[in-house]
């Protein structure tokens, strides 16, 4: 087995540069990259490269750090999940603050997470996962539209059938009420 050395990125710009140099079609800005870096660092990870691929190292594992090879799509997805979890926790804390200062700090923290969420959503939409979700949503919408249209047609057919039945009954009554029809 060939050992590949983990080469950490020193700053968010290095990630952006690496993506461009390796023709990764993920157009993220330095600010977007900074969000990814901050979340990774806050969760005890460092982004970098192993061989020709992206990776993250577990900076908490001491002398023998563990490395996970990941794609930029997986990195963004992971950070989106963390943001969601942190946002849910902040919302829960807002319901039971220990004092007013705690409430204000938690509210500010939640607002910062919500700002990150908007930027992360934009990044997620560029990932393969975001494109899959978009395609699934498109197919579900098309199916819903088809069912609504089919339901309308069936309702119209039912209503038309009832109108035909009523018309037939009226004709039948008028025919039966004619003098020469009663004698038969």
Foldseek 3Di string as FASTA:
>chain_A
DDDWDWDFDPALVVVQVLCVVLVPPQNDDSVLSRLLQVLQVVVQWTWTDTDSFIWIWRNPPPPDIDIDTDHVLVSLVVSLVVLVVLLVVLVVCCVPPPDPVSNVVSVVVNVVSVVSNVVSLVSNCPHPNVVVVVVVVVVVVVVVVVVVVVVVVVVVVVVVVVVVVVVVVVVVVVQCPDVVNVVD
